[in-house]
C-alpha atoms as a PDB file:
ATOM      1  CA  MET A   1      -0.039 -13.460   4.436  1.00  0.00           C
ATOM      2  CA  ARG A   2       2.099 -10.964   2.579  1.00  0.00           C
ATOM      3  CA  LEU A   3       0.360  -8.404   0.462  1.00  0.00           C
ATOM      4  CA  ILE A   4       0.635  -5.206  -1.638  1.00  0.00           C
ATOM      5  CA  LEU A   5      -2.223  -2.979  -2.186  1.00  0.00           C
ATOM      6  CA  LEU A   6      -1.991  -0.891  -5.409  1.00  0.00           C
ATOM      7  CA  GLY A   7      -4.406   1.771  -6.642  1.00  0.00           C
ATOM      8  CA  PRO A   8      -4.562   5.548  -7.359  1.00  0.00           C
ATOM      9  CA  PRO A   9      -5.285   8.179  -4.691  1.00  0.00           C
ATOM     10  CA  GLY A  10      -8.884   7.908  -3.356  1.00  0.00           C
ATOM     11  CA  ALA A  11      -9.316   4.230  -4.314  1.00  0.00           C
ATOM     12  CA  GLY A  12      -9.819   3.251  -0.713  1.00  0.00           C
ATOM     13  CA  LYS A  13      -6.433   1.393   0.022  1.00  0.00           C
ATOM     14  CA  GLY A  14      -6.197   2.842   3.482  1.00  0.00           C
ATOM     15  CA  THR A  15      -9.698   1.510   4.374  1.00  0.00           C
ATOM     16  CA  GLN A  16      -8.953  -2.010   3.029  1.00  0.00           C
ATOM     17  CA  ALA A  17      -5.504  -2.071   4.680  1.00  0.00           C
ATOM     18  CA  GLN A  18      -6.968  -1.364   8.011  1.00  0.00           C
ATOM     19  CA  ARG A  19      -9.566  -4.040   7.636  1.00  0.00           C
ATOM     20  CA  LEU A  20      -6.965  -6.543   6.486  1.00  0.00           C
ATOM     21  CA  VAL A  21      -4.984  -5.784   9.561  1.00  0.00           C
ATOM     22  CA  ARG A  22      -7.949  -6.319  11.793  1.00  0.00           C
ATOM     23  CA  ASP A  23      -9.370  -9.413  10.024  1.00  0.00           C
ATOM     24  CA  TYR A  24      -6.155 -11.287   9.239  1.00  0.00           C
ATOM     25  CA  GLY A  25      -3.907 -10.358  12.194  1.00  0.00           C
ATOM     26  CA  ILE A  26      -1.296  -8.924  10.011  1.00  0.00           C
ATOM     27  CA  VAL A  27       0.586  -5.524  10.175  1.00  0.00           C
ATOM     28  CA  GLN A  28       0.131  -2.506   7.844  1.00  0.00           C
ATOM     29  CA  LEU A  29       3.598  -1.225   6.677  1.00  0.00           C
ATOM     30  CA  SER A  30       3.383   2.358   5.765  1.00  0.00           C
ATOM     31  CA  THR A  31       6.426   3.900   4.267  1.00  0.00           C
ATOM     32  CA  GLY A  32       5.952   7.182   6.339  1.00  0.00           C
ATOM     33  CA  ASP A  33       5.385   5.340   9.672  1.00  0.00           C
ATOM     34  CA  MET A  34       8.409   3.061   8.930  1.00  0.00           C
ATOM     35  CA  LEU A  35      10.650   6.051   8.185  1.00  0.00           C
ATOM     36  CA  ARG A  36       9.526   7.937  11.316  1.00  0.00           C
ATOM     37  CA  ALA A  37      10.036   4.763  13.471  1.00  0.00           C
ATOM     38  CA  ALA A  38      13.567   4.084  12.015  1.00  0.00           C
ATOM     39  CA  ALA A  39      14.533   7.811  12.523  1.00  0.00           C
ATOM     40  CA  ALA A  40      13.234   7.653  16.111  1.00  0.00           C
ATOM     41  CA  ALA A  41      14.954   4.397  16.926  1.00  0.00           C
ATOM     42  CA  GLY A  42      18.332   5.850  15.831  1.00  0.00           C
ATOM     43  CA  THR A  43      19.532   2.683  13.936  1.00  0.00           C
ATOM     44  CA  GLU A  44      22.201   3.434  11.293  1.00  0.00           C
ATOM     45  CA  VAL A  45      19.776   3.433   8.366  1.00  0.00           C
ATOM     46  CA  GLY A  46      17.336   5.450  10.578  1.00  0.00           C
ATOM     47  CA  LYS A  47      19.940   8.198  11.059  1.00  0.00           C
ATOM     48  CA  ARG A  48      20.599   8.235   7.276  1.00  0.00           C
ATOM     49  CA  ALA A  49      16.970   8.569   6.486  1.00  0.00           C
ATOM     50  CA  LYS A  50      16.354  11.216   9.137  1.00  0.00           C
ATOM     51  CA  ALA A  51      19.311  13.356   7.714  1.00  0.00           C
ATOM     52  CA  ILE A  52      17.856  13.084   4.273  1.00  0.00           C
ATOM     53  CA  MET A  53      14.157  13.976   5.458  1.00  0.00           C
ATOM     54  CA  ASP A  54      15.667  16.906   7.475  1.00  0.00           C
ATOM     55  CA  ARG A  55      16.953  18.250   4.227  1.00  0.00           C
ATOM     56  CA  GLY A  56      13.538  17.992   2.844  1.00  0.00           C
ATOM     57  CA  GLU A  57      14.694  15.503   0.242  1.00  0.00           C
ATOM     58  CA  LEU A  58      13.082  12.249  -0.974  1.00  0.00           C
ATOM     59  CA  VAL A  59      14.479   9.173   0.672  1.00  0.00           C
ATOM     60  CA  PRO A  60      16.301   7.090  -2.074  1.00  0.00           C
ATOM     61  CA  ASP A  61      15.206   3.561  -2.892  1.00  0.00           C
ATOM     62  CA  ASP A  62      18.291   1.920  -1.399  1.00  0.00           C
ATOM     63  CA  VAL A  63      17.648   3.458   1.906  1.00  0.00           C
ATOM     64  CA  MET A  64      13.952   2.841   1.896  1.00  0.00           C
ATOM     65  CA  VAL A  65      14.595  -0.871   1.099  1.00  0.00           C
ATOM     66  CA  GLU A  66      17.012  -1.016   4.146  1.00  0.00           C
ATOM     67  CA  VAL A  67      14.307   0.530   6.341  1.00  0.00           C
ATOM     68  CA  ILE A  68      11.846  -2.117   5.137  1.00  0.00           C
ATOM     69  CA  SER A  69      14.279  -4.871   5.472  1.00  0.00           C
ATOM     70  CA  GLU A  70      14.802  -3.925   9.091  1.00  0.00           C
ATOM     71  CA  ARG A  71      11.032  -3.568   9.722  1.00  0.00           C
ATOM     72  CA  LEU A  72      10.376  -7.089   8.243  1.00  0.00           C
ATOM     73  CA  ASP A  73      12.747  -8.680  10.791  1.00  0.00           C
ATOM     74  CA  ARG A  74      10.667  -7.484  13.651  1.00  0.00           C
ATOM     75  CA  PRO A  75       8.493 -10.335  15.292  1.00  0.00           C
ATOM     76  CA  ASP A  76       5.133  -8.625  14.558  1.00  0.00           C
ATOM     77  CA  CYS A  77       5.614  -9.237  10.769  1.00  0.00           C
ATOM     78  CA  ALA A  78       5.949 -13.016  11.341  1.00  0.00           C
ATOM     79  CA  ASN A  79       2.228 -13.444  10.596  1.00  0.00           C
ATOM     80  CA  GLY A  80       2.406 -11.255   7.420  1.00  0.00           C
ATOM     81  CA  PHE A  81       2.041  -7.590   6.304  1.00  0.00           C
ATOM     82  CA  VAL A  82       0.295  -5.459   3.931  1.00  0.00           C
ATOM     83  CA  LEU A  83       2.556  -2.792   2.294  1.00  0.00           C
ATOM     84  CA  ASP A  84       1.102   0.625   1.923  1.00  0.00           C
ATOM     85  CA  GLY A  85       2.827   3.328  -0.282  1.00  0.00           C
ATOM     86  CA  PHE A  86       5.616   1.016  -1.500  1.00  0.00           C
ATOM     87  CA  PRO A  87       6.536   0.157  -4.156  1.00  0.00           C
ATOM     88  CA  ARG A  88       5.701   3.225  -6.050  1.00  0.00           C
ATOM     89  CA  THR A  89       7.934   2.563  -9.093  1.00  0.00           C
ATOM     90  CA  VAL A  90       9.038  -0.418 -10.970  1.00  0.00           C
ATOM     91  CA  ALA A  91      12.591   0.118  -9.710  1.00  0.00           C
ATOM     92  CA  GLN A  92      11.258  -0.142  -6.098  1.00  0.00           C
ATOM     93  CA  ALA A  93       9.179  -3.256  -7.138  1.00  0.00           C
ATOM     94  CA  GLU A  94      12.343  -4.887  -8.452  1.00  0.00           C
ATOM     95  CA  ALA A  95      14.336  -3.910  -5.280  1.00  0.00           C
ATOM     96  CA  LEU A  96      11.487  -5.378  -3.053  1.00  0.00           C
ATOM     97  CA  THR A  97      11.396  -8.625  -5.005  1.00  0.00           C
ATOM     98  CA  GLY A  98      15.288  -9.055  -4.466  1.00  0.00           C
ATOM     99  CA  LEU A  99      14.865  -8.188  -0.703  1.00  0.00           C
ATOM    100  CA  LEU A 100      12.102 -10.705  -0.151  1.00  0.00           C
ATOM    101  CA  ALA A 101      13.952 -13.289  -2.003  1.00  0.00           C
ATOM    102  CA  ARG A 102      17.040 -12.748   0.190  1.00  0.00           C
ATOM    103  CA  LYS A 103      14.799 -13.444   3.238  1.00  0.00           C
ATOM    104  CA  GLY A 104      13.218 -16.434   1.725  1.00  0.00           C
ATOM    105  CA  LEU A 105       9.797 -14.681   1.500  1.00  0.00           C
ATOM    106  CA  GLY A 106       7.312 -14.361  -1.296  1.00  0.00           C
ATOM    107  CA  LEU A 107       4.278 -12.279  -1.947  1.00  0.00           C
ATOM    108  CA  ASP A 108       0.815 -14.038  -1.478  1.00  0.00           C
ATOM    109  CA  ALA A 109      -0.895 -11.386  -3.712  1.00  0.00           C
ATOM    110  CA  VAL A 110      -0.647  -7.965  -5.191  1.00  0.00           C
ATOM    111  CA  ILE A 111      -4.151  -6.446  -5.317  1.00  0.00           C
ATOM    112  CA  GLU A 112      -4.991  -3.478  -7.577  1.00  0.00           C
ATOM    113  CA  LEU A 113      -8.061  -1.380  -6.693  1.00  0.00           C
ATOM    114  CA  SER A 114      -9.014  -0.220 -10.113  1.00  0.00           C
ATOM    115  CA  VAL A 115     -11.116   3.054 -10.269  1.00  0.00           C
ATOM    116  CA  ASP A 116     -12.640   5.162 -12.784  1.00  0.00           C
ATOM    117  CA  GLU A 117     -10.795   8.644 -12.511  1.00  0.00           C
ATOM    118  CA  ASN A 118     -13.883  10.582 -13.575  1.00  0.00           C
ATOM    119  CA  ALA A 119     -15.978   8.905 -10.958  1.00  0.00           C
ATOM    120  CA  LEU A 120     -13.301   9.239  -8.501  1.00  0.00           C
ATOM    121  CA  LEU A 121     -13.232  13.151  -8.914  1.00  0.00           C
ATOM    122  CA  SER A 122     -17.048  13.124  -8.725  1.00  0.00           C
ATOM    123  CA  ARG A 123     -16.776  11.231  -5.513  1.00  0.00           C
ATOM    124  CA  ILE A 124     -14.380  13.811  -4.030  1.00  0.00           C
ATOM    125  CA  GLU A 125     -16.569  16.603  -5.220  1.00  0.00           C
ATOM    126  CA  ARG A 126     -19.582  14.937  -3.403  1.00  0.00           C
ATOM    127  CA  ARG A 127     -17.507  14.592  -0.329  1.00  0.00           C
ATOM    128  CA  ILE A 128     -16.460  18.302  -0.350  1.00  0.00           C
ATOM    129  CA  ALA A 129     -20.075  19.182  -0.681  1.00  0.00           C
ATOM    130  CA  GLU A 130     -21.061  17.016   2.225  1.00  0.00           C
ATOM    131  CA  THR A 131     -18.268  17.895   4.509  1.00  0.00           C
ATOM    132  CA  GLY A 132     -17.189  21.328   3.331  1.00  0.00           C
ATOM    133  CA  GLY A 133     -13.817  19.912   2.302  1.00  0.00           C
ATOM    134  CA  ALA A 134     -12.561  19.198   5.841  1.00  0.00           C
ATOM    135  CA  ARG A 135      -9.878  16.762   4.606  1.00  0.00           C
ATOM    136  CA  ALA A 136      -6.668  18.066   3.278  1.00  0.00           C
ATOM    137  CA  ASP A 137      -6.839  15.866   0.123  1.00  0.00           C
ATOM    138  CA  ASP A 138     -10.336  17.079  -0.756  1.00  0.00           C
ATOM    139  CA  ASP A 139      -9.279  19.304  -3.649  1.00  0.00           C
ATOM    140  CA  PRO A 140     -10.192  18.114  -7.169  1.00  0.00           C
ATOM    141  CA  GLU A 141      -7.068  19.873  -8.664  1.00  0.00           C
ATOM    142  CA  VAL A 142      -4.694  18.380  -6.127  1.00  0.00           C
ATOM    143  CA  LEU A 143      -6.351  14.951  -6.892  1.00  0.00           C
ATOM    144  CA  LYS A 144      -5.916  15.449 -10.727  1.00  0.00           C
ATOM    145  CA  LYS A 145      -2.123  16.118 -10.224  1.00  0.00           C
ATOM    146  CA  ARG A 146      -1.760  13.051  -7.925  1.00  0.00           C
ATOM    147  CA  LEU A 147      -3.730  10.867 -10.329  1.00  0.00           C
ATOM    148  CA  ALA A 148      -1.302  12.092 -13.181  1.00  0.00           C
ATOM    149  CA  VAL A 149       1.806  11.135 -11.027  1.00  0.00           C
ATOM    150  CA  TYR A 150       0.221   7.767 -10.232  1.00  0.00           C
ATOM    151  CA  ARG A 151      -0.389   7.094 -13.948  1.00  0.00           C
ATOM    152  CA  ALA A 152       3.127   7.859 -14.879  1.00  0.00           C
ATOM    153  CA  GLN A 153       5.077   6.206 -11.895  1.00  0.00           C
ATOM    154  CA  THR A 154       3.104   3.768 -10.056  1.00  0.00           C
ATOM    155  CA  ALA A 155       0.568   2.243 -12.719  1.00  0.00           C
ATOM    156  CA  PRO A 156       3.517   0.404 -14.449  1.00  0.00           C
ATOM    157  CA  VAL A 157       4.134  -1.338 -11.158  1.00  0.00           C
ATOM    158  CA  ALA A 158       0.725  -3.269 -11.775  1.00  0.00           C
ATOM    159  CA  ASP A 159       2.113  -4.431 -15.260  1.00  0.00           C
ATOM    160  CA  TYR A 160       5.394  -5.549 -13.428  1.00  0.00           C
ATOM    161  CA  TYR A 161       3.326  -7.820 -10.999  1.00  0.00           C
ATOM    162  CA  ARG A 162       0.973  -8.847 -13.754  1.00  0.00           C
ATOM    163  CA  GLY A 163       3.976 -10.195 -15.637  1.00  0.00           C
ATOM    164  CA  LYS A 164       4.931 -12.249 -12.534  1.00  0.00           C
ATOM    165  CA  GLY A 165       1.387 -13.499 -12.419  1.00  0.00           C
ATOM    166  CA  ILE A 166       0.498 -12.603  -8.997  1.00  0.00           C
ATOM    167  CA  LEU A 167      -1.615  -9.302  -9.742  1.00  0.00           C
ATOM    168  CA  ARG A 168      -5.253  -9.445  -9.061  1.00  0.00           C
ATOM    169  CA  SER A 169      -7.736  -6.606  -9.852  1.00  0.00           C
ATOM    170  CA  VAL A 170     -10.701  -5.597  -8.035  1.00  0.00           C
ATOM    171  CA  ASP A 171     -13.266  -2.907  -8.977  1.00  0.00           C
ATOM    172  CA  GLY A 172     -12.584  -0.223  -6.314  1.00  0.00           C
ATOM    173  CA  MET A 173     -15.656   1.823  -7.334  1.00  0.00           C
ATOM    174  CA  GLN A 174     -18.024  -0.685  -5.576  1.00  0.00           C
ATOM    175  CA  GLU A 175     -19.426  -0.289  -2.147  1.00  0.00           C
ATOM    176  CA  ILE A 176     -16.677  -0.887   0.572  1.00  0.00           C
ATOM    177  CA  PRO A 177     -18.213  -4.249   1.807  1.00  0.00           C
ATOM    178  CA  VAL A 178     -18.304  -5.552  -1.945  1.00  0.00           C
ATOM    179  CA  VAL A 179     -14.618  -4.586  -2.349  1.00  0.00           C
ATOM    180  CA  SER A 180     -13.847  -6.253   1.055  1.00  0.00           C
ATOM    181  CA  ALA A 181     -15.507  -9.399  -0.027  1.00  0.00           C
ATOM    182  CA  ALA A 182     -13.743  -9.452  -3.494  1.00  0.00           C
ATOM    183  CA  ILE A 183     -10.483  -9.208  -1.759  1.00  0.00           C
ATOM    184  CA  ASP A 184     -11.260 -11.981   0.697  1.00  0.00           C
ATOM    185  CA  ALA A 185     -12.284 -14.241  -2.161  1.00  0.00           C
ATOM    186  CA  ILE A 186      -8.876 -13.702  -3.814  1.00  0.00           C
ATOM    187  CA  LEU A 187      -7.034 -14.324  -0.586  1.00  0.00           C
ATOM    188  CA  THR A 188      -8.817 -17.488   0.219  1.00  0.00           C
ATOM    189  CA  GLN A 189      -8.856 -18.999  -3.279  1.00  0.00           C
ATOM    190  CA  GLY A 190      -7.707 -22.483  -3.222  1.00  0.00           C
ATOM    191  CA  LYS A 191      -6.811 -22.542   0.440  1.00  0.00           C
ATOM    192  CA  GLU A 192      -8.499 -22.712   3.801  1.00  0.00           C
ATOM    193  CA  PRO A 193      -9.603 -19.309   4.824  1.00  0.00           C
ATOM    194  CA  ALA A 194      -6.904 -17.489   6.762  1.00  0.00           C
ATOM    195  CA  ARG A 195      -9.371 -15.042   8.053  1.00  0.00           C
ATOM    196  CA  LYS A 196      -9.414 -14.151  11.749  1.00  0.00           C
ATOM    197  CA  ARG A 197     -13.206 -13.757  12.394  1.00  0.00           C
ATOM    198  CA  ALA A 198     -13.882 -10.467  13.849  1.00  0.00           C
ATOM    199  CA  ASP A 199     -16.776 -10.299  16.371  1.00  0.00           C
ATOM    200  CA  GLY A 200     -19.756  -8.513  14.840  1.00  0.00           C
END
């Protein structure tokens, strides 16, 4: 099962990605983790990525796609993956489509967690009140900036996958178990449930 989760900051992508990993026996591919692992492994592309990151620069798309390509060749990806944090732009989505095609792979679904931005800000403000703002991303002004970046750069990625007919949208403002059930319904539609039953 090969998936992409899309959605703005605070939509619950991390929570759902962890659950999908647990319930479906797939791996979560986070761009940050992949870059750090490639740098630590000392592969050619890893060395290039490390040099770029050490300069404090953003890793360009071609290098990121090479890092993802190497990661997809590892045995633990054989059962599938959920991509977290990539693609962030339409150019990255196009590069990923080309990469998967070269490997003879396709995506099973691209799932967008849609949220109401005002409700999302209220949720963050409530969490600050409850926890005292312990989390680094618990800052409404920071969230507003991240949402603006998402709207400009990443929201068009949803349109790209909608055009390919594989985008499915889920209301991310619902309770976590409701969102989980909606995602499961999408993933098992028209096929035998691939779900690995978790005890409890």
